[in-house]
């Protein structure tokens, strides 16, 4: 699996195939900027196993009401 983060995407992330993930930190609007926090005790078989709002997190989470 490859994780890279220097592309631009307004949604804040995208997958390319089964083995590439691009969280967009610099190329996304502030409310969609993302980063990855992996659990090193888990074996990820593909990029799609990295879950939005779990391992793929918002840099600036909004308050939920």
PDB file of N, CA and C in Angstrom:
ATOM      1  N   UNK A   1       0.844  -1.169   0.000  1.00  0.00           N
ATOM      2  CA  UNK A   1       0.000   0.000   0.000  1.00  0.00           C
ATOM      3  C   UNK A   1       0.890   1.234   0.000  1.00  0.00           C
ATOM      4  N   UNK A   2       0.473   2.244  -0.731  1.00  0.00           N
ATOM      5  CA  UNK A   2       1.179   3.521  -0.790  1.00  0.00           C
ATOM      6  C   UNK A   2       0.217   4.611  -0.333  1.00  0.00           C
ATOM      7  N   UNK A   3       0.694   5.456   0.565  1.00  0.00           N
ATOM      8  CA  UNK A   3      -0.077   6.625   0.997  1.00  0.00           C
ATOM      9  C   UNK A   3       0.763   7.848   0.672  1.00  0.00           C
ATOM     10  N   UNK A   4       0.208   8.744  -0.115  1.00  0.00           N
ATOM     11  CA  UNK A   4       0.906   9.984  -0.444  1.00  0.00           C
ATOM     12  C   UNK A   4      -0.078  11.132  -0.329  1.00  0.00           C
ATOM     13  N   UNK A   5       0.402  12.332  -0.110  1.00  0.00           N
ATOM     14  CA  UNK A   5      -0.529  13.414   0.168  1.00  0.00           C
ATOM     15  C   UNK A   5      -0.229  14.744  -0.490  1.00  0.00           C
ATOM     16  N   UNK A   6       0.321  14.738  -1.683  1.00  0.00           N
ATOM     17  CA  UNK A   6       0.664  16.006  -2.311  1.00  0.00           C
ATOM     18  C   UNK A   6      -0.173  16.321  -3.537  1.00  0.00           C
ATOM     19  N   UNK A   7      -1.328  15.700  -3.660  1.00  0.00           N
ATOM     20  CA  UNK A   7      -2.233  15.998  -4.762  1.00  0.00           C
ATOM     21  C   UNK A   7      -3.330  16.941  -4.284  1.00  0.00           C
ATOM     22  N   UNK A   8      -4.129  17.389  -5.220  1.00  0.00           N
ATOM     23  CA  UNK A   8      -5.233  18.284  -4.896  1.00  0.00           C
ATOM     24  C   UNK A   8      -6.548  17.540  -5.104  1.00  0.00           C
ATOM     25  N   UNK A   9      -7.425  17.631  -4.112  1.00  0.00           N
ATOM     26  CA  UNK A   9      -8.755  17.060  -4.234  1.00  0.00           C
ATOM     27  C   UNK A   9      -9.654  17.794  -3.244  1.00  0.00           C
ATOM     28  N   UNK A  10     -10.738  18.354  -3.735  1.00  0.00           N
ATOM     29  CA  UNK A  10     -11.618  19.152  -2.881  1.00  0.00           C
ATOM     30  C   UNK A  10     -12.304  18.339  -1.790  1.00  0.00           C
ATOM     31  N   UNK A  11     -12.489  17.031  -2.003  1.00  0.00           N
ATOM     32  CA  UNK A  11     -13.144  16.209  -0.981  1.00  0.00           C
ATOM     33  C   UNK A  11     -12.200  15.858   0.164  1.00  0.00           C
ATOM     34  N   UNK A  12     -10.895  16.029  -0.035  1.00  0.00           N
ATOM     35  CA  UNK A  12      -9.933  15.798   1.032  1.00  0.00           C
ATOM     36  C   UNK A  12      -9.185  14.481   0.946  1.00  0.00           C
ATOM     37  N   UNK A  13      -9.593  13.603   0.061  1.00  0.00           N
ATOM     38  CA  UNK A  13      -8.889  12.334  -0.124  1.00  0.00           C
ATOM     39  C   UNK A  13      -9.410  11.635  -1.366  1.00  0.00           C
ATOM     40  N   UNK A  14      -8.635  10.673  -1.854  1.00  0.00           N
ATOM     41  CA  UNK A  14      -9.114   9.772  -2.893  1.00  0.00           C
ATOM     42  C   UNK A  14      -8.280   8.506  -2.886  1.00  0.00           C
ATOM     43  N   UNK A  15      -8.878   7.441  -3.395  1.00  0.00           N
ATOM     44  CA  UNK A  15      -8.208   6.158  -3.556  1.00  0.00           C
ATOM     45  C   UNK A  15      -7.872   5.993  -5.034  1.00  0.00           C
ATOM     46  N   UNK A  16      -6.752   5.352  -5.330  1.00  0.00           N
ATOM     47  CA  UNK A  16      -6.411   4.959  -6.692  1.00  0.00           C
ATOM     48  C   UNK A  16      -6.198   3.456  -6.674  1.00  0.00           C
ATOM     49  N   UNK A  17      -7.138   2.723  -7.220  1.00  0.00           N
ATOM     50  CA  UNK A  17      -7.047   1.266  -7.206  1.00  0.00           C
ATOM     51  C   UNK A  17      -7.164   0.731  -5.787  1.00  0.00           C
ATOM     52  N   UNK A  18      -6.632  -0.459  -5.578  1.00  0.00           N
ATOM     53  CA  UNK A  18      -6.731  -1.104  -4.273  1.00  0.00           C
ATOM     54  C   UNK A  18      -5.614  -0.733  -3.319  1.00  0.00           C
ATOM     55  N   UNK A  19      -4.527  -0.174  -3.836  1.00  0.00           N
ATOM     56  CA  UNK A  19      -3.337  -0.054  -2.998  1.00  0.00           C
ATOM     57  C   UNK A  19      -2.788   1.361  -2.850  1.00  0.00           C
ATOM     58  N   UNK A  20      -3.526   2.377  -3.286  1.00  0.00           N
ATOM     59  CA  UNK A  20      -3.048   3.742  -3.136  1.00  0.00           C
ATOM     60  C   UNK A  20      -4.123   4.625  -2.509  1.00  0.00           C
ATOM     61  N   UNK A  21      -3.689   5.435  -1.561  1.00  0.00           N
ATOM     62  CA  UNK A  21      -4.570   6.392  -0.889  1.00  0.00           C
ATOM     63  C   UNK A  21      -3.863   7.740  -0.872  1.00  0.00           C
ATOM     64  N   UNK A  22      -4.612   8.773  -1.155  1.00  0.00           N
ATOM     65  CA  UNK A  22      -4.054  10.116  -1.109  1.00  0.00           C
ATOM     66  C   UNK A  22      -4.901  10.992  -0.193  1.00  0.00           C
ATOM     67  N   UNK A  23      -4.489  11.152   1.075  1.00  0.00           N
ATOM     68  CA  UNK A  23      -5.149  12.130   1.931  1.00  0.00           C
ATOM     69  C   UNK A  23      -4.621  13.509   1.562  1.00  0.00           C
ATOM     70  N   UNK A  24      -5.498  14.463   1.357  1.00  0.00           N
ATOM     71  CA  UNK A  24      -5.074  15.790   0.888  1.00  0.00           C
ATOM     72  C   UNK A  24      -5.021  16.761   2.053  1.00  0.00           C
ATOM     73  N   UNK A  25      -3.835  17.138   2.404  1.00  0.00           N
ATOM     74  CA  UNK A  25      -3.630  18.070   3.503  1.00  0.00           C
ATOM     75  C   UNK A  25      -3.465  19.486   2.955  1.00  0.00           C
ATOM     76  N   UNK A  26      -2.663  19.643   1.929  1.00  0.00           N
ATOM     77  CA  UNK A  26      -2.394  20.972   1.386  1.00  0.00           C
ATOM     78  C   UNK A  26      -3.347  21.333   0.251  1.00  0.00           C
ATOM     79  N   UNK A  27      -3.840  20.338  -0.491  1.00  0.00           N
ATOM     80  CA  UNK A  27      -4.638  20.613  -1.677  1.00  0.00           C
ATOM     81  C   UNK A  27      -6.122  20.460  -1.490  1.00  0.00           C
ATOM     82  N   UNK A  28      -6.628  20.675  -0.296  1.00  0.00           N
ATOM     83  CA  UNK A  28      -8.068  20.572  -0.033  1.00  0.00           C
ATOM     84  C   UNK A  28      -8.511  21.789   0.766  1.00  0.00           C
ATOM     85  N   UNK A  29      -9.794  22.138   0.687  1.00  0.00           N
ATOM     86  CA  UNK A  29     -10.301  23.226   1.529  1.00  0.00           C
ATOM     87  C   UNK A  29     -10.119  22.884   3.008  1.00  0.00           C
ATOM     88  N   UNK A  30     -10.014  23.883   3.837  1.00  0.00           N
ATOM     89  CA  UNK A  30      -9.753  23.691   5.268  1.00  0.00           C
ATOM     90  C   UNK A  30     -10.679  22.650   5.895  1.00  0.00           C
ATOM     91  N   UNK A  31     -11.955  22.695   5.600  1.00  0.00           N
ATOM     92  CA  UNK A  31     -12.920  21.793   6.231  1.00  0.00           C
ATOM     93  C   UNK A  31     -12.775  20.343   5.767  1.00  0.00           C
ATOM     94  N   UNK A  32     -12.011  20.086   4.708  1.00  0.00           N
ATOM     95  CA  UNK A  32     -11.842  18.730   4.187  1.00  0.00           C
ATOM     96  C   UNK A  32     -10.416  18.195   4.297  1.00  0.00           C
ATOM     97  N   UNK A  33      -9.505  18.942   4.870  1.00  0.00           N
ATOM     98  CA  UNK A  33      -8.122  18.482   4.993  1.00  0.00           C
ATOM     99  C   UNK A  33      -8.065  17.217   5.841  1.00  0.00           C
ATOM    100  N   UNK A  34      -7.315  16.217   5.379  1.00  0.00           N
ATOM    101  CA  UNK A  34      -7.277  14.909   6.037  1.00  0.00           C
ATOM    102  C   UNK A  34      -5.851  14.455   6.314  1.00  0.00           C
ATOM    103  N   UNK A  35      -5.734  13.605   7.310  1.00  0.00           N
ATOM    104  CA  UNK A  35      -4.471  12.926   7.602  1.00  0.00           C
ATOM    105  C   UNK A  35      -4.786  11.485   7.977  1.00  0.00           C
ATOM    106  N   UNK A  36      -3.765  10.636   8.014  1.00  0.00           N
ATOM    107  CA  UNK A  36      -3.947   9.215   8.306  1.00  0.00           C
ATOM    108  C   UNK A  36      -3.287   8.886   9.638  1.00  0.00           C
ATOM    109  N   UNK A  37      -4.010   8.157  10.473  1.00  0.00           N
ATOM    110  CA  UNK A  37      -3.483   7.642  11.729  1.00  0.00           C
ATOM    111  C   UNK A  37      -3.748   6.141  11.738  1.00  0.00           C
ATOM    112  N   UNK A  38      -2.688   5.354  11.489  1.00  0.00           N
ATOM    113  CA  UNK A  38      -2.841   3.908  11.389  1.00  0.00           C
ATOM    114  C   UNK A  38      -2.655   3.231  12.736  1.00  0.00           C
ATOM    115  N   UNK A  39      -3.372   2.156  12.941  1.00  0.00           N
ATOM    116  CA  UNK A  39      -3.193   1.284  14.088  1.00  0.00           C
ATOM    117  C   UNK A  39      -2.129   0.269  13.690  1.00  0.00           C
ATOM    118  N   UNK A  40      -0.949   0.353  14.258  1.00  0.00           N
ATOM    119  CA  UNK A  40       0.159  -0.493  13.841  1.00  0.00           C
ATOM    120  C   UNK A  40      -0.006  -1.953  14.244  1.00  0.00           C
ATOM    121  N   UNK A  41      -1.021  -2.264  15.029  1.00  0.00           N
ATOM    122  CA  UNK A  41      -1.286  -3.662  15.362  1.00  0.00           C
ATOM    123  C   UNK A  41      -2.215  -4.323  14.335  1.00  0.00           C
ATOM    124  N   UNK A  42      -2.705  -3.556  13.358  1.00  0.00           N
ATOM    125  CA  UNK A  42      -3.621  -4.057  12.326  1.00  0.00           C
ATOM    126  C   UNK A  42      -2.849  -4.272  11.035  1.00  0.00           C
ATOM    127  N   UNK A  43      -3.189  -5.323  10.316  1.00  0.00           N
ATOM    128  CA  UNK A  43      -2.603  -5.568   9.000  1.00  0.00           C
ATOM    129  C   UNK A  43      -3.634  -5.130   7.956  1.00  0.00           C
ATOM    130  N   UNK A  44      -3.341  -4.068   7.243  1.00  0.00           N
ATOM    131  CA  UNK A  44      -4.233  -3.536   6.213  1.00  0.00           C
ATOM    132  C   UNK A  44      -3.912  -4.237   4.892  1.00  0.00           C
ATOM    133  N   UNK A  45      -4.899  -4.925   4.320  1.00  0.00           N
ATOM    134  CA  UNK A  45      -4.698  -5.670   3.078  1.00  0.00           C
ATOM    135  C   UNK A  45      -4.839  -4.779   1.844  1.00  0.00           C
ATOM    136  N   UNK A  46      -5.554  -3.666   1.973  1.00  0.00           N
ATOM    137  CA  UNK A  46      -5.735  -2.748   0.852  1.00  0.00           C
ATOM    138  C   UNK A  46      -5.980  -1.342   1.393  1.00  0.00           C
ATOM    139  N   UNK A  47      -5.855  -0.376   0.521  1.00  0.00           N
ATOM    140  CA  UNK A  47      -6.086   1.017   0.921  1.00  0.00           C
ATOM    141  C   UNK A  47      -7.538   1.243   1.344  1.00  0.00           C
ATOM    142  N   UNK A  48      -8.480   0.491   0.754  1.00  0.00           N
ATOM    143  CA  UNK A  48      -9.885   0.663   1.100  1.00  0.00           C
ATOM    144  C   UNK A  48     -10.200   0.234   2.529  1.00  0.00           C
ATOM    145  N   UNK A  49      -9.304  -0.474   3.178  1.00  0.00           N
ATOM    146  CA  UNK A  49      -9.514  -0.831   4.578  1.00  0.00           C
ATOM    147  C   UNK A  49      -9.211   0.329   5.516  1.00  0.00           C
ATOM    148  N   UNK A  50      -8.634   1.383   5.006  1.00  0.00           N
ATOM    149  CA  UNK A  50      -8.425   2.599   5.798  1.00  0.00           C
ATOM    150  C   UNK A  50      -9.739   3.373   5.747  1.00  0.00           C
ATOM    151  N   UNK A  51     -10.399   3.450   6.889  1.00  0.00           N
ATOM    152  CA  UNK A  51     -11.764   3.957   6.949  1.00  0.00           C
ATOM    153  C   UNK A  51     -11.813   5.461   7.194  1.00  0.00           C
ATOM    154  N   UNK A  52     -12.736   6.101   6.481  1.00  0.00           N
ATOM    155  CA  UNK A  52     -12.996   7.526   6.659  1.00  0.00           C
ATOM    156  C   UNK A  52     -13.510   7.737   8.080  1.00  0.00           C
ATOM    157  N   UNK A  53     -12.996   8.728   8.755  1.00  0.00           N
ATOM    158  CA  UNK A  53     -13.340   9.103  10.129  1.00  0.00           C
ATOM    159  C   UNK A  53     -12.831   8.113  11.172  1.00  0.00           C
ATOM    160  N   UNK A  54     -12.098   7.100  10.754  1.00  0.00           N
ATOM    161  CA  UNK A  54     -11.423   6.208  11.700  1.00  0.00           C
ATOM    162  C   UNK A  54      -9.917   6.424  11.541  1.00  0.00           C
ATOM    163  N   UNK A  55      -9.329   5.782  10.535  1.00  0.00           N
ATOM    164  CA  UNK A  55      -7.904   5.996  10.261  1.00  0.00           C
ATOM    165  C   UNK A  55      -7.668   7.236   9.410  1.00  0.00           C
ATOM    166  N   UNK A  56      -8.615   7.563   8.551  1.00  0.00           N
ATOM    167  CA  UNK A  56      -8.526   8.746   7.682  1.00  0.00           C
ATOM    168  C   UNK A  56      -9.338   9.854   8.346  1.00  0.00           C
ATOM    169  N   UNK A  57      -8.642  10.752   9.014  1.00  0.00           N
ATOM    170  CA  UNK A  57      -9.305  11.729   9.895  1.00  0.00           C
ATOM    171  C   UNK A  57      -9.224  13.155   9.357  1.00  0.00           C
ATOM    172  N   UNK A  58     -10.208  13.940   9.755  1.00  0.00           N
ATOM    173  CA  UNK A  58     -10.202  15.367   9.436  1.00  0.00           C
ATOM    174  C   UNK A  58      -9.150  16.078  10.285  1.00  0.00           C
ATOM    175  N   UNK A  59      -8.400  16.967   9.671  1.00  0.00           N
ATOM    176  CA  UNK A  59      -7.414  17.740  10.396  1.00  0.00           C
ATOM    177  C   UNK A  59      -8.099  18.740  11.323  1.00  0.00           C
ATOM    178  N   UNK A  60      -9.175  19.330  10.861  1.00  0.00           N
ATOM    179  CA  UNK A  60      -9.943  20.313  11.648  1.00  0.00           C
ATOM    180  C   UNK A  60     -11.369  19.817  11.811  1.00  0.00           C
ATOM    181  N   UNK A  61     -11.612  18.892  12.735  1.00  0.00           N
ATOM    182  CA  UNK A  61     -12.986  18.371  12.885  1.00  0.00           C
ATOM    183  C   UNK A  61     -13.936  19.470  13.332  1.00  0.00           C
ATOM    184  N   UNK A  62     -15.143  19.392  12.850  1.00  0.00           N
ATOM    185  CA  UNK A  62     -16.166  20.363  13.247  1.00  0.00           C
ATOM    186  C   UNK A  62     -16.897  19.826  14.458  1.00  0.00           C
ATOM    187  N   UNK A  63     -17.413  20.716  15.247  1.00  0.00           N
ATOM    188  CA  UNK A  63     -18.181  20.302  16.422  1.00  0.00           C
ATOM    189  C   UNK A  63     -19.494  19.700  15.960  1.00  0.00           C
ATOM    190  N   UNK A  64     -19.832  18.541  16.486  1.00  0.00           N
ATOM    191  CA  UNK A  64     -21.103  17.896  16.129  1.00  0.00           C
ATOM    192  C   UNK A  64     -22.140  18.250  17.172  1.00  0.00           C
ATOM    193  N   UNK A  65     -23.322  18.588  16.700  1.00  0.00           N
ATOM    194  CA  UNK A  65     -24.397  18.965  17.610  1.00  0.00           C
ATOM    195  C   UNK A  65     -25.494  17.959  17.609  1.00  0.00           C
TER     196      UNK A  65
END
